[in-house]
Amino acid sequence: MIREKLIQLLNNSYSPYSKFRVSSICEMKDGKLFEGVNVENASYGATICAERVAILSATTKGYKKGDFHKLYVMTDNDKISTSCFMCRQVINEFFDTDNEIVFMNKLGDSKTVLVKDLCPFPFGEGDLK
């Protein structure tokens, strides 16, 4: 079900510049799912990644750090790609270090990593004290 939904979501990606379509689904501990796609902008700095769209959609609905369970990310190519470092920072903010992130390509191949492996040297609230 998740894989099929991610494939459908790729069609909603707004990526006219890079043509690099990405979809994401954030699964909460209570089973609720939040969707995201990448949304590009001619001013590249205004672009937002699919992972952050899904995570921020959950926070908009009131979910907090500790409520997040798993993140799925699919790219529309043959290669499995991982999250950019801006997304890794946001993932680190909301997910526990032992939560899984599942990266997929459109062919059905996948790679699962733990947050602590995706973000081995995190910057967090303790660094601000």
C-alpha atoms as a PDB file:
ATOM      1  CA  MET A   1       0.000   0.000   0.000  1.00  0.00           C
ATOM      2  CA  ILE A   2       2.729   2.515   0.958  1.00  0.00           C
ATOM      3  CA  ARG A   3       4.744   1.826  -2.189  1.00  0.00           C
ATOM      4  CA  GLU A   4       1.708   2.268  -4.457  1.00  0.00           C
ATOM      5  CA  LYS A   5       0.742   5.518  -2.729  1.00  0.00           C
ATOM      6  CA  LEU A   6       4.295   6.844  -3.089  1.00  0.00           C
ATOM      7  CA  ILE A   7       4.190   6.073  -6.812  1.00  0.00           C
ATOM      8  CA  GLN A   8       0.885   7.953  -7.139  1.00  0.00           C
ATOM      9  CA  LEU A   9       2.245  10.903  -5.170  1.00  0.00           C
ATOM     10  CA  LEU A  10       5.180  11.273  -7.567  1.00  0.00           C
ATOM     11  CA  ASN A  11       2.650  12.691 -10.035  1.00  0.00           C
ATOM     12  CA  ASN A  12       1.992  15.593  -7.645  1.00  0.00           C
ATOM     13  CA  SER A  13       5.632  16.647  -7.446  1.00  0.00           C
ATOM     14  CA  TYR A  14       6.260  20.147  -8.774  1.00  0.00           C
ATOM     15  CA  SER A  15       9.745  19.755 -10.224  1.00  0.00           C
ATOM     16  CA  PRO A  16       9.858  21.637 -13.557  1.00  0.00           C
ATOM     17  CA  TYR A  17      13.529  22.589 -13.193  1.00  0.00           C
ATOM     18  CA  SER A  18      15.299  19.450 -12.006  1.00  0.00           C
ATOM     19  CA  LYS A  19      12.726  16.896 -13.216  1.00  0.00           C
ATOM     20  CA  PHE A  20      13.717  15.002 -10.027  1.00  0.00           C
ATOM     21  CA  ARG A  21      10.391  13.910  -8.557  1.00  0.00           C
ATOM     22  CA  VAL A  22      10.269  12.819  -4.917  1.00  0.00           C
ATOM     23  CA  SER A  23       7.403  11.639  -2.728  1.00  0.00           C
ATOM     24  CA  SER A  24       7.312  10.898   0.978  1.00  0.00           C
ATOM     25  CA  ILE A  25       4.971   9.460   3.575  1.00  0.00           C
ATOM     26  CA  CYS A  26       5.423  10.084   7.277  1.00  0.00           C
ATOM     27  CA  GLU A  27       3.899   7.382   9.468  1.00  0.00           C
ATOM     28  CA  MET A  28       2.968   8.340  13.006  1.00  0.00           C
ATOM     29  CA  LYS A  29       2.976   6.031  16.013  1.00  0.00           C
ATOM     30  CA  ASP A  30      -0.842   6.107  16.013  1.00  0.00           C
ATOM     31  CA  GLY A  31      -0.892   4.885  12.388  1.00  0.00           C
ATOM     32  CA  LYS A  32      -1.855   8.208  10.773  1.00  0.00           C
ATOM     33  CA  LEU A  33      -0.061   8.943   7.492  1.00  0.00           C
ATOM     34  CA  PHE A  34       1.052  12.333   6.161  1.00  0.00           C
ATOM     35  CA  GLU A  35       2.080  12.804   2.550  1.00  0.00           C
ATOM     36  CA  GLY A  36       4.588  15.080   0.885  1.00  0.00           C
ATOM     37  CA  VAL A  37       6.142  15.829  -2.489  1.00  0.00           C
ATOM     38  CA  ASN A  38       9.001  18.090  -3.464  1.00  0.00           C
ATOM     39  CA  VAL A  39       7.959  21.568  -4.576  1.00  0.00           C
ATOM     40  CA  GLU A  40      10.563  23.482  -6.571  1.00  0.00           C
ATOM     41  CA  ASN A  41      10.813  27.191  -7.179  1.00  0.00           C
ATOM     42  CA  ALA A  42      12.691  29.291  -9.726  1.00  0.00           C
ATOM     43  CA  SER A  43      14.413  30.756  -6.661  1.00  0.00           C
ATOM     44  CA  TYR A  44      16.047  27.443  -5.716  1.00  0.00           C
ATOM     45  CA  GLY A  45      16.386  28.356  -2.034  1.00  0.00           C
ATOM     46  CA  ALA A  46      12.584  28.440  -1.806  1.00  0.00           C
ATOM     47  CA  THR A  47      12.348  24.799  -2.889  1.00  0.00           C
ATOM     48  CA  ILE A  48      11.121  22.347  -0.240  1.00  0.00           C
ATOM     49  CA  CYS A  49      11.759  18.619  -0.184  1.00  0.00           C
ATOM     50  CA  ALA A  50       9.098  15.916   0.076  1.00  0.00           C
ATOM     51  CA  GLU A  51      10.384  14.699   3.441  1.00  0.00           C
ATOM     52  CA  ARG A  52       9.964  18.111   5.059  1.00  0.00           C
ATOM     53  CA  VAL A  53       6.512  18.590   3.521  1.00  0.00           C
ATOM     54  CA  ALA A  54       5.332  15.305   5.082  1.00  0.00           C
ATOM     55  CA  ILE A  55       6.928  16.003   8.477  1.00  0.00           C
ATOM     56  CA  LEU A  56       5.658  19.584   8.621  1.00  0.00           C
ATOM     57  CA  SER A  57       2.171  18.450   7.609  1.00  0.00           C
ATOM     58  CA  ALA A  58       2.163  16.210  10.679  1.00  0.00           C
ATOM     59  CA  THR A  59       3.321  19.026  12.943  1.00  0.00           C
ATOM     60  CA  THR A  60       0.610  21.267  11.487  1.00  0.00           C
ATOM     61  CA  LYS A  61      -1.928  18.722  12.722  1.00  0.00           C
ATOM     62  CA  GLY A  62      -0.463  18.824  16.238  1.00  0.00           C
ATOM     63  CA  TYR A  63       2.016  15.933  16.241  1.00  0.00           C
ATOM     64  CA  LYS A  64       5.188  16.468  18.275  1.00  0.00           C
ATOM     65  CA  LYS A  65       8.636  14.971  18.657  1.00  0.00           C
ATOM     66  CA  GLY A  66       8.107  11.425  19.919  1.00  0.00           C
ATOM     67  CA  ASP A  67       4.924  10.901  17.869  1.00  0.00           C
ATOM     68  CA  PHE A  68       6.810   9.964  14.676  1.00  0.00           C
ATOM     69  CA  HIS A  69       7.323   6.319  13.736  1.00  0.00           C
ATOM     70  CA  LYS A  70       8.694   5.831  10.216  1.00  0.00           C
ATOM     71  CA  LEU A  71       9.449   7.852   7.085  1.00  0.00           C
ATOM     72  CA  TYR A  72       9.193   6.554   3.511  1.00  0.00           C
ATOM     73  CA  VAL A  73      10.880   8.366   0.632  1.00  0.00           C
ATOM     74  CA  MET A  74      10.670   7.501  -3.087  1.00  0.00           C
ATOM     75  CA  THR A  75      12.531   9.001  -6.025  1.00  0.00           C
ATOM     76  CA  ASP A  76      11.379   8.761  -9.604  1.00  0.00           C
ATOM     77  CA  ASN A  77      14.498   7.137 -11.001  1.00  0.00           C
ATOM     78  CA  ASP A  78      16.414   3.872 -10.924  1.00  0.00           C
ATOM     79  CA  LYS A  79      18.780   4.904  -8.147  1.00  0.00           C
ATOM     80  CA  ILE A  80      17.946   4.900  -4.448  1.00  0.00           C
ATOM     81  CA  SER A  81      18.696   8.384  -3.149  1.00  0.00           C
ATOM     82  CA  THR A  82      18.900   9.520   0.463  1.00  0.00           C
ATOM     83  CA  SER A  83      17.694  12.753   2.047  1.00  0.00           C
ATOM     84  CA  CYS A  84      19.559  16.023   1.697  1.00  0.00           C
ATOM     85  CA  PHE A  85      21.222  17.366   4.816  1.00  0.00           C
ATOM     86  CA  MET A  86      18.528  19.972   5.444  1.00  0.00           C
ATOM     87  CA  CYS A  87      15.974  17.137   5.566  1.00  0.00           C
ATOM     88  CA  ARG A  88      18.278  15.067   7.759  1.00  0.00           C
ATOM     89  CA  GLN A  89      18.316  17.907  10.274  1.00  0.00           C
ATOM     90  CA  VAL A  90      14.500  18.040  10.326  1.00  0.00           C
ATOM     91  CA  ILE A  91      14.288  14.227  10.559  1.00  0.00           C
ATOM     92  CA  ASN A  92      16.683  14.353  13.514  1.00  0.00           C
ATOM     93  CA  GLU A  93      14.489  16.981  15.188  1.00  0.00           C
ATOM     94  CA  PHE A  94      11.290  14.923  15.149  1.00  0.00           C
ATOM     95  CA  PHE A  95      12.232  11.223  14.925  1.00  0.00           C
ATOM     96  CA  ASP A  96      13.816   9.038  17.595  1.00  0.00           C
ATOM     97  CA  THR A  97      17.296   7.784  16.768  1.00  0.00           C
ATOM     98  CA  ASP A  98      16.051   4.179  16.399  1.00  0.00           C
ATOM     99  CA  ASN A  99      13.225   5.066  13.959  1.00  0.00           C
ATOM    100  CA  GLU A 100      13.485   3.708  10.427  1.00  0.00           C
ATOM    101  CA  ILE A 101      13.744   5.707   7.219  1.00  0.00           C
ATOM    102  CA  VAL A 102      12.915   3.671   4.098  1.00  0.00           C
ATOM    103  CA  PHE A 103      14.351   4.944   0.818  1.00  0.00           C
ATOM    104  CA  MET A 104      12.921   3.519  -2.426  1.00  0.00           C
ATOM    105  CA  ASN A 105      13.243   3.896  -6.146  1.00  0.00           C
ATOM    106  CA  LYS A 106      10.412   3.578  -8.635  1.00  0.00           C
ATOM    107  CA  LEU A 107      11.501   0.001  -9.467  1.00  0.00           C
ATOM    108  CA  GLY A 108      10.651  -1.255  -5.990  1.00  0.00           C
ATOM    109  CA  ASP A 109      14.184  -1.475  -4.620  1.00  0.00           C
ATOM    110  CA  SER A 110      14.589  -0.149  -1.094  1.00  0.00           C
ATOM    111  CA  LYS A 111      17.153   0.596   1.580  1.00  0.00           C
ATOM    112  CA  THR A 112      16.193   0.994   5.244  1.00  0.00           C
ATOM    113  CA  VAL A 113      18.370   2.975   7.630  1.00  0.00           C
ATOM    114  CA  LEU A 114      17.985   4.111  11.220  1.00  0.00           C
ATOM    115  CA  VAL A 115      17.929   7.818  12.004  1.00  0.00           C
ATOM    116  CA  LYS A 116      21.107   7.427  14.071  1.00  0.00           C
ATOM    117  CA  ASP A 117      22.890   6.037  10.991  1.00  0.00           C
ATOM    118  CA  LEU A 118      21.485   8.695   8.646  1.00  0.00           C
ATOM    119  CA  CYS A 119      22.458  11.419  11.132  1.00  0.00           C
ATOM    120  CA  PRO A 120      25.547  10.085  12.955  1.00  0.00           C
ATOM    121  CA  PHE A 121      26.634  13.490  14.312  1.00  0.00           C
ATOM    122  CA  PRO A 122      23.361  15.301  14.991  1.00  0.00           C
ATOM    123  CA  PHE A 123      22.949  18.914  15.958  1.00  0.00           C
ATOM    124  CA  GLY A 124      20.209  19.161  18.565  1.00  0.00           C
ATOM    125  CA  GLU A 125      18.857  21.086  21.493  1.00  0.00           C
ATOM    126  CA  GLY A 126      21.828  20.103  23.655  1.00  0.00           C
ATOM    127  CA  ASP A 127      24.130  22.003  21.321  1.00  0.00           C
ATOM    128  CA  LEU A 128      22.239  25.222  22.045  1.00  0.00           C
ATOM    129  CA  LYS A 129      23.026  25.185  25.772  1.00  0.00           C
END
